[in-house]
Every structure is written in C-alpha cells, then in structure tokens.
Amino acid sequence: MSDRLDKLEAELTAMRPRDLPPRVVDKVERALTEPARSAQSRSDRLLLSAMAAGSLAACVIVGVVLTQLAATASPPRDPTPVMASIPRAGDVSLALARANMNEMQ
C-alpha cells in the first residue's frame, strides 16, 4: 500500500499547473488596484437613496397623521377658572395694598 502512495506522491510532485496567460494576470491586477466603481457601488448608492426616501416618506406620513389628530381633537376646556385661583407675581403687591387700605379704614 505504501508503494502505491509513494508512486502517487511522485506523480503529484511531477505535475505543475499551467501558467496563466498574461492578459488574465493583467486583468486581475487591474481589478485589484482600481477603485471600486463597479455596479455594486451603484447598487449600494441606489439602496441607500431608496432607504432615505422611505424614511423621509414615513416622517411626512407621521407628521400628517399627527396634524390631523390634533385638528380633530376636542378643544381644550376654558382655562380661566383654573387660572383665576393661581396667584400671579403682581397679585402680591396688590393684595398688600388692599390689606393696608382695609386697616386704615
């Protein structure tokens, strides 16, 4: 068995692959040194622009829906009763002046 393996090894070491034609070597070298301006980069740009357009469309849709919801929402209640009970900054001096007038009389 080892005799057959030795013959096979000798036969395999004697074999050499054919050299590549120079035009194939040049083409491979050019492909490796050129910047990537192939169809793949164009398709990547197309994919990115489609994704950006989709995102922009989604933002516009959300904006339109929120605007419509805000327009159809019930109007806010009258804030006057709530605001009347909350003291304002100028009310303090007015209250003190009224208190002094009541004491004088």
N, C-alpha and C. Protein backbone atom coordinates (compact mmCIF):
# COMPACT_ATOMS: atom_id res chain seq x y z
N MET A 1 0.82 -1.19 0.00
CA MET A 1 0.00 0.00 0.00
C MET A 1 0.86 1.25 0.00
N SER A 2 1.92 1.24 0.78
CA SER A 2 2.78 2.42 0.82
C SER A 2 3.51 2.59 -0.50
N ASP A 3 3.68 1.49 -1.24
CA ASP A 3 4.33 1.57 -2.55
C ASP A 3 3.44 2.37 -3.52
N ARG A 4 2.12 2.15 -3.45
CA ARG A 4 1.20 2.89 -4.31
C ARG A 4 1.15 4.36 -3.92
N LEU A 5 1.22 4.64 -2.62
CA LEU A 5 1.21 6.02 -2.16
C LEU A 5 2.49 6.75 -2.58
N ASP A 6 3.59 6.05 -2.55
CA ASP A 6 4.85 6.67 -2.98
C ASP A 6 4.79 7.02 -4.48
N LYS A 7 4.20 6.12 -5.27
CA LYS A 7 4.07 6.40 -6.70
C LYS A 7 3.15 7.60 -6.94
N LEU A 8 2.06 7.67 -6.16
CA LEU A 8 1.12 8.78 -6.30
C LEU A 8 1.79 10.09 -5.91
N GLU A 9 2.53 10.08 -4.84
CA GLU A 9 3.23 11.29 -4.41
C GLU A 9 4.24 11.75 -5.45
N ALA A 10 4.95 10.82 -6.00
CA ALA A 10 5.94 11.16 -7.03
C ALA A 10 5.25 11.73 -8.27
N GLU A 11 4.11 11.17 -8.61
CA GLU A 11 3.37 11.66 -9.77
C GLU A 11 2.81 13.06 -9.51
N LEU A 12 2.31 13.29 -8.30
CA LEU A 12 1.75 14.60 -7.95
C LEU A 12 2.82 15.68 -7.89
N THR A 13 3.99 15.35 -7.38
CA THR A 13 5.06 16.35 -7.32
C THR A 13 5.59 16.68 -8.71
N ALA A 14 5.47 15.74 -9.65
CA ALA A 14 5.94 16.00 -11.01
C ALA A 14 4.98 16.91 -11.77
N MET A 15 3.73 16.96 -11.33
CA MET A 15 2.74 17.80 -12.02
C MET A 15 2.94 19.26 -11.65
N ARG A 16 2.75 20.12 -12.63
CA ARG A 16 2.80 21.56 -12.40
C ARG A 16 1.62 22.18 -13.14
N PRO A 17 0.94 23.13 -12.51
CA PRO A 17 -0.16 23.77 -13.23
C PRO A 17 0.38 24.67 -14.33
N ARG A 18 -0.44 24.85 -15.36
CA ARG A 18 -0.05 25.72 -16.45
C ARG A 18 -0.02 27.17 -15.99
N ASP A 19 0.86 27.95 -16.56
CA ASP A 19 0.91 29.37 -16.23
C ASP A 19 -0.30 30.08 -16.83
N LEU A 20 -0.75 31.11 -16.11
CA LEU A 20 -1.88 31.89 -16.61
C LEU A 20 -1.42 32.78 -17.75
N PRO A 21 -2.30 33.03 -18.70
CA PRO A 21 -1.95 33.96 -19.77
C PRO A 21 -1.72 35.37 -19.19
N PRO A 22 -0.84 36.14 -19.79
CA PRO A 22 -0.54 37.48 -19.26
C PRO A 22 -1.75 38.41 -19.21
N ARG A 23 -2.68 38.26 -20.15
CA ARG A 23 -3.86 39.14 -20.12
C ARG A 23 -4.74 38.86 -18.90
N VAL A 24 -4.78 37.60 -18.44
CA VAL A 24 -5.56 37.28 -17.24
C VAL A 24 -4.89 37.88 -16.02
N VAL A 25 -3.58 37.79 -15.96
CA VAL A 25 -2.84 38.35 -14.83
C VAL A 25 -3.02 39.87 -14.79
N ASP A 26 -2.95 40.51 -15.97
CA ASP A 26 -3.14 41.96 -16.04
C ASP A 26 -4.55 42.36 -15.61
N LYS A 27 -5.54 41.60 -16.03
CA LYS A 27 -6.92 41.91 -15.68
C LYS A 27 -7.15 41.79 -14.18
N VAL A 28 -6.60 40.77 -13.56
CA VAL A 28 -6.74 40.59 -12.11
C VAL A 28 -6.03 41.72 -11.38
N GLU A 29 -4.83 42.07 -11.85
CA GLU A 29 -4.08 43.16 -11.22
C GLU A 29 -4.83 44.48 -11.33
N ARG A 30 -5.40 44.76 -12.49
CA ARG A 30 -6.15 45.99 -12.69
C ARG A 30 -7.39 46.03 -11.80
N ALA A 31 -8.05 44.89 -11.66
CA ALA A 31 -9.25 44.83 -10.83
C ALA A 31 -8.92 45.06 -9.36
N LEU A 32 -7.74 44.62 -8.94
CA LEU A 32 -7.36 44.80 -7.54
C LEU A 32 -6.87 46.21 -7.24
N THR A 33 -6.29 46.89 -8.20
CA THR A 33 -5.74 48.22 -7.95
C THR A 33 -6.71 49.35 -8.24
N GLU A 34 -7.73 49.13 -9.07
CA GLU A 34 -8.70 50.17 -9.39
C GLU A 34 -9.62 50.42 -8.21
N PRO A 35 -10.07 51.66 -8.05
CA PRO A 35 -11.08 51.91 -7.01
C PRO A 35 -12.39 51.22 -7.38
N ALA A 36 -13.15 50.91 -6.38
CA ALA A 36 -14.40 50.15 -6.60
C ALA A 36 -15.46 51.06 -7.20
N ARG A 37 -15.53 51.11 -8.52
CA ARG A 37 -16.57 51.87 -9.23
C ARG A 37 -17.39 50.92 -10.09
N SER A 38 -17.74 49.85 -9.49
CA SER A 38 -18.45 48.82 -10.25
C SER A 38 -19.95 48.97 -10.07
N ALA A 39 -20.68 48.02 -10.59
CA ALA A 39 -22.14 48.04 -10.46
C ALA A 39 -22.54 47.86 -9.01
N GLN A 40 -21.71 47.23 -8.22
CA GLN A 40 -22.03 47.01 -6.82
C GLN A 40 -22.11 48.35 -6.08
N SER A 41 -21.17 49.24 -6.32
CA SER A 41 -21.23 50.53 -5.64
C SER A 41 -22.44 51.34 -6.10
N ARG A 42 -22.80 51.23 -7.38
CA ARG A 42 -24.01 51.90 -7.86
C ARG A 42 -25.24 51.34 -7.19
N SER A 43 -25.28 50.03 -7.03
CA SER A 43 -26.44 49.42 -6.39
C SER A 43 -26.50 49.78 -4.91
N ASP A 44 -25.34 49.94 -4.27
CA ASP A 44 -25.33 50.37 -2.88
C ASP A 44 -25.89 51.78 -2.75
N ARG A 45 -25.48 52.67 -3.67
CA ARG A 45 -26.00 54.03 -3.63
C ARG A 45 -27.50 54.06 -3.88
N LEU A 46 -27.96 53.21 -4.78
CA LEU A 46 -29.40 53.14 -5.05
C LEU A 46 -30.16 52.64 -3.83
N LEU A 47 -29.61 51.64 -3.16
CA LEU A 47 -30.25 51.12 -1.95
C LEU A 47 -30.31 52.19 -0.87
N LEU A 48 -29.22 52.91 -0.66
CA LEU A 48 -29.20 53.95 0.37
C LEU A 48 -30.18 55.08 0.04
N SER A 49 -30.26 55.46 -1.22
CA SER A 49 -31.20 56.53 -1.57
C SER A 49 -32.64 56.06 -1.42
N ALA A 50 -32.91 54.81 -1.73
CA ALA A 50 -34.27 54.28 -1.54
C ALA A 50 -34.63 54.23 -0.06
N MET A 51 -33.67 53.85 0.78
CA MET A 51 -33.92 53.83 2.22
C MET A 51 -34.15 55.23 2.76
N ALA A 52 -33.38 56.21 2.28
CA ALA A 52 -33.55 57.59 2.72
C ALA A 52 -34.91 58.13 2.29
N ALA A 53 -35.31 57.83 1.06
CA ALA A 53 -36.61 58.29 0.57
C ALA A 53 -37.75 57.65 1.37
N GLY A 54 -37.59 56.39 1.71
CA GLY A 54 -38.61 55.72 2.53
C GLY A 54 -38.71 56.32 3.92
N SER A 55 -37.57 56.65 4.50
CA SER A 55 -37.57 57.27 5.83
C SER A 55 -38.21 58.64 5.79
N LEU A 56 -37.90 59.40 4.76
CA LEU A 56 -38.50 60.73 4.61
C LEU A 56 -40.01 60.62 4.42
N ALA A 57 -40.45 59.66 3.63
CA ALA A 57 -41.89 59.47 3.42
C ALA A 57 -42.57 59.07 4.72
N ALA A 58 -41.92 58.23 5.52
CA ALA A 58 -42.51 57.83 6.81
C ALA A 58 -42.63 59.03 7.74
N CYS A 59 -41.63 59.90 7.75
CA CYS A 59 -41.70 61.11 8.60
C CYS A 59 -42.84 62.03 8.15
N VAL A 60 -43.01 62.18 6.85
CA VAL A 60 -44.10 63.02 6.34
C VAL A 60 -45.45 62.42 6.72
N ILE A 61 -45.59 61.12 6.61
CA ILE A 61 -46.86 60.46 6.96
C ILE A 61 -47.17 60.65 8.43
N VAL A 62 -46.17 60.46 9.28
CA VAL A 62 -46.39 60.64 10.73
C VAL A 62 -46.77 62.09 11.02
N GLY A 63 -46.11 63.05 10.37
CA GLY A 63 -46.46 64.45 10.58
C GLY A 63 -47.88 64.76 10.16
N VAL A 64 -48.31 64.23 9.02
CA VAL A 64 -49.68 64.48 8.54
C VAL A 64 -50.69 63.84 9.49
N VAL A 65 -50.43 62.62 9.94
CA VAL A 65 -51.36 61.94 10.86
C VAL A 65 -51.45 62.70 12.18
N LEU A 66 -50.33 63.14 12.71
CA LEU A 66 -50.37 63.88 13.98
C LEU A 66 -51.09 65.22 13.82
N THR A 67 -50.91 65.88 12.69
CA THR A 67 -51.60 67.14 12.44
C THR A 67 -53.11 66.92 12.36
N GLN A 68 -53.51 65.85 11.69
CA GLN A 68 -54.93 65.54 11.58
C GLN A 68 -55.52 65.19 12.94
N LEU A 69 -54.78 64.44 13.75
CA LEU A 69 -55.27 64.08 15.08
C LEU A 69 -55.40 65.32 15.96
N ALA A 70 -54.45 66.23 15.85
CA ALA A 70 -54.51 67.45 16.66
C ALA A 70 -55.69 68.33 16.23
N ALA A 71 -56.00 68.34 14.93
CA ALA A 71 -57.10 69.16 14.43
C ALA A 71 -58.45 68.59 14.83
N THR A 72 -58.56 67.28 14.93
CA THR A 72 -59.85 66.66 15.25
C THR A 72 -60.02 66.43 16.74
N ALA A 73 -59.03 66.71 17.55
CA ALA A 73 -59.14 66.51 19.00
C ALA A 73 -60.13 67.51 19.57
N SER A 74 -60.69 67.17 20.72
CA SER A 74 -61.65 68.06 21.35
C SER A 74 -60.94 69.35 21.76
N PRO A 75 -61.64 70.49 21.65
CA PRO A 75 -61.00 71.75 22.02
C PRO A 75 -60.70 71.77 23.52
N PRO A 76 -59.67 72.47 23.92
CA PRO A 76 -59.33 72.49 25.35
C PRO A 76 -60.40 73.22 26.15
N ARG A 77 -60.52 72.82 27.41
CA ARG A 77 -61.50 73.46 28.28
C ARG A 77 -61.07 74.90 28.57
N ASP A 78 -61.98 75.70 29.03
CA ASP A 78 -61.68 77.09 29.33
C ASP A 78 -60.73 77.14 30.53
N PRO A 79 -59.54 77.68 30.39
CA PRO A 79 -58.58 77.67 31.48
C PRO A 79 -58.80 78.79 32.50
N THR A 80 -59.78 79.63 32.28
CA THR A 80 -59.98 80.78 33.17
C THR A 80 -60.25 80.38 34.62
N PRO A 81 -61.14 79.44 34.93
CA PRO A 81 -61.38 79.11 36.34
C PRO A 81 -60.11 78.60 37.04
N VAL A 82 -59.34 77.81 36.34
CA VAL A 82 -58.12 77.28 36.95
C VAL A 82 -57.12 78.40 37.12
N MET A 83 -56.99 79.27 36.13
CA MET A 83 -56.02 80.35 36.18
C MET A 83 -56.41 81.41 37.22
N ALA A 84 -57.68 81.57 37.50
CA ALA A 84 -58.11 82.58 38.45
C ALA A 84 -57.67 82.24 39.87
N SER A 85 -57.56 80.96 40.18
CA SER A 85 -57.18 80.57 41.54
C SER A 85 -55.68 80.55 41.75
N ILE A 86 -54.90 80.63 40.71
CA ILE A 86 -53.46 80.62 40.83
C ILE A 86 -52.96 82.05 40.99
N PRO A 87 -52.22 82.36 42.06
CA PRO A 87 -51.74 83.73 42.23
C PRO A 87 -50.64 84.05 41.24
N ARG A 88 -50.62 85.30 40.79
CA ARG A 88 -49.60 85.76 39.88
C ARG A 88 -48.60 86.61 40.65
N ALA A 89 -47.50 86.93 40.01
CA ALA A 89 -46.45 87.68 40.68
C ALA A 89 -46.91 89.08 41.07
N GLY A 90 -47.70 89.73 40.26
CA GLY A 90 -48.16 91.09 40.56
C GLY A 90 -49.28 91.13 41.58
N ASP A 91 -49.90 90.00 41.87
CA ASP A 91 -51.02 89.95 42.82
C ASP A 91 -50.55 90.19 44.25
N VAL A 92 -49.32 89.93 44.57
CA VAL A 92 -48.83 90.06 45.93
C VAL A 92 -48.85 91.53 46.36
N SER A 93 -48.32 92.40 45.53
CA SER A 93 -48.31 93.82 45.89
C SER A 93 -49.73 94.39 45.92
N LEU A 94 -50.60 93.92 45.03
CA LEU A 94 -51.99 94.36 45.04
C LEU A 94 -52.69 93.90 46.31
N ALA A 95 -52.45 92.68 46.73
CA ALA A 95 -53.06 92.17 47.96
C ALA A 95 -52.56 92.93 49.18
N LEU A 96 -51.28 93.27 49.20
CA LEU A 96 -50.74 94.04 50.33
C LEU A 96 -51.33 95.44 50.35
N ALA A 97 -51.50 96.06 49.22
CA ALA A 97 -52.09 97.39 49.17
C ALA A 97 -53.53 97.36 49.66
N ARG A 98 -54.29 96.37 49.26
CA ARG A 98 -55.68 96.24 49.71
C ARG A 98 -55.73 95.99 51.21
N ALA A 99 -54.80 95.19 51.71
CA ALA A 99 -54.79 94.91 53.14
C ALA A 99 -54.50 96.17 53.94
N ASN A 100 -53.58 97.02 53.46
CA ASN A 100 -53.26 98.26 54.15
C ASN A 100 -54.45 99.22 54.11
N MET A 101 -55.16 99.27 53.01
CA MET A 101 -56.32 100.16 52.88
C MET A 101 -57.42 99.73 53.84
N ASN A 102 -57.62 98.42 54.00
CA ASN A 102 -58.66 97.93 54.90
C ASN A 102 -58.30 98.24 56.35
N GLU A 103 -57.04 98.21 56.70
CA GLU A 103 -56.62 98.50 58.08
C GLU A 103 -56.81 99.97 58.38
N MET A 104 -56.60 100.84 57.40
CA MET A 104 -56.71 102.27 57.63
C MET A 104 -58.16 102.70 57.84
N GLN A 105 -59.05 102.02 57.28
CA GLN A 105 -60.44 102.46 57.40
C GLN A 105 -61.07 102.00 58.64
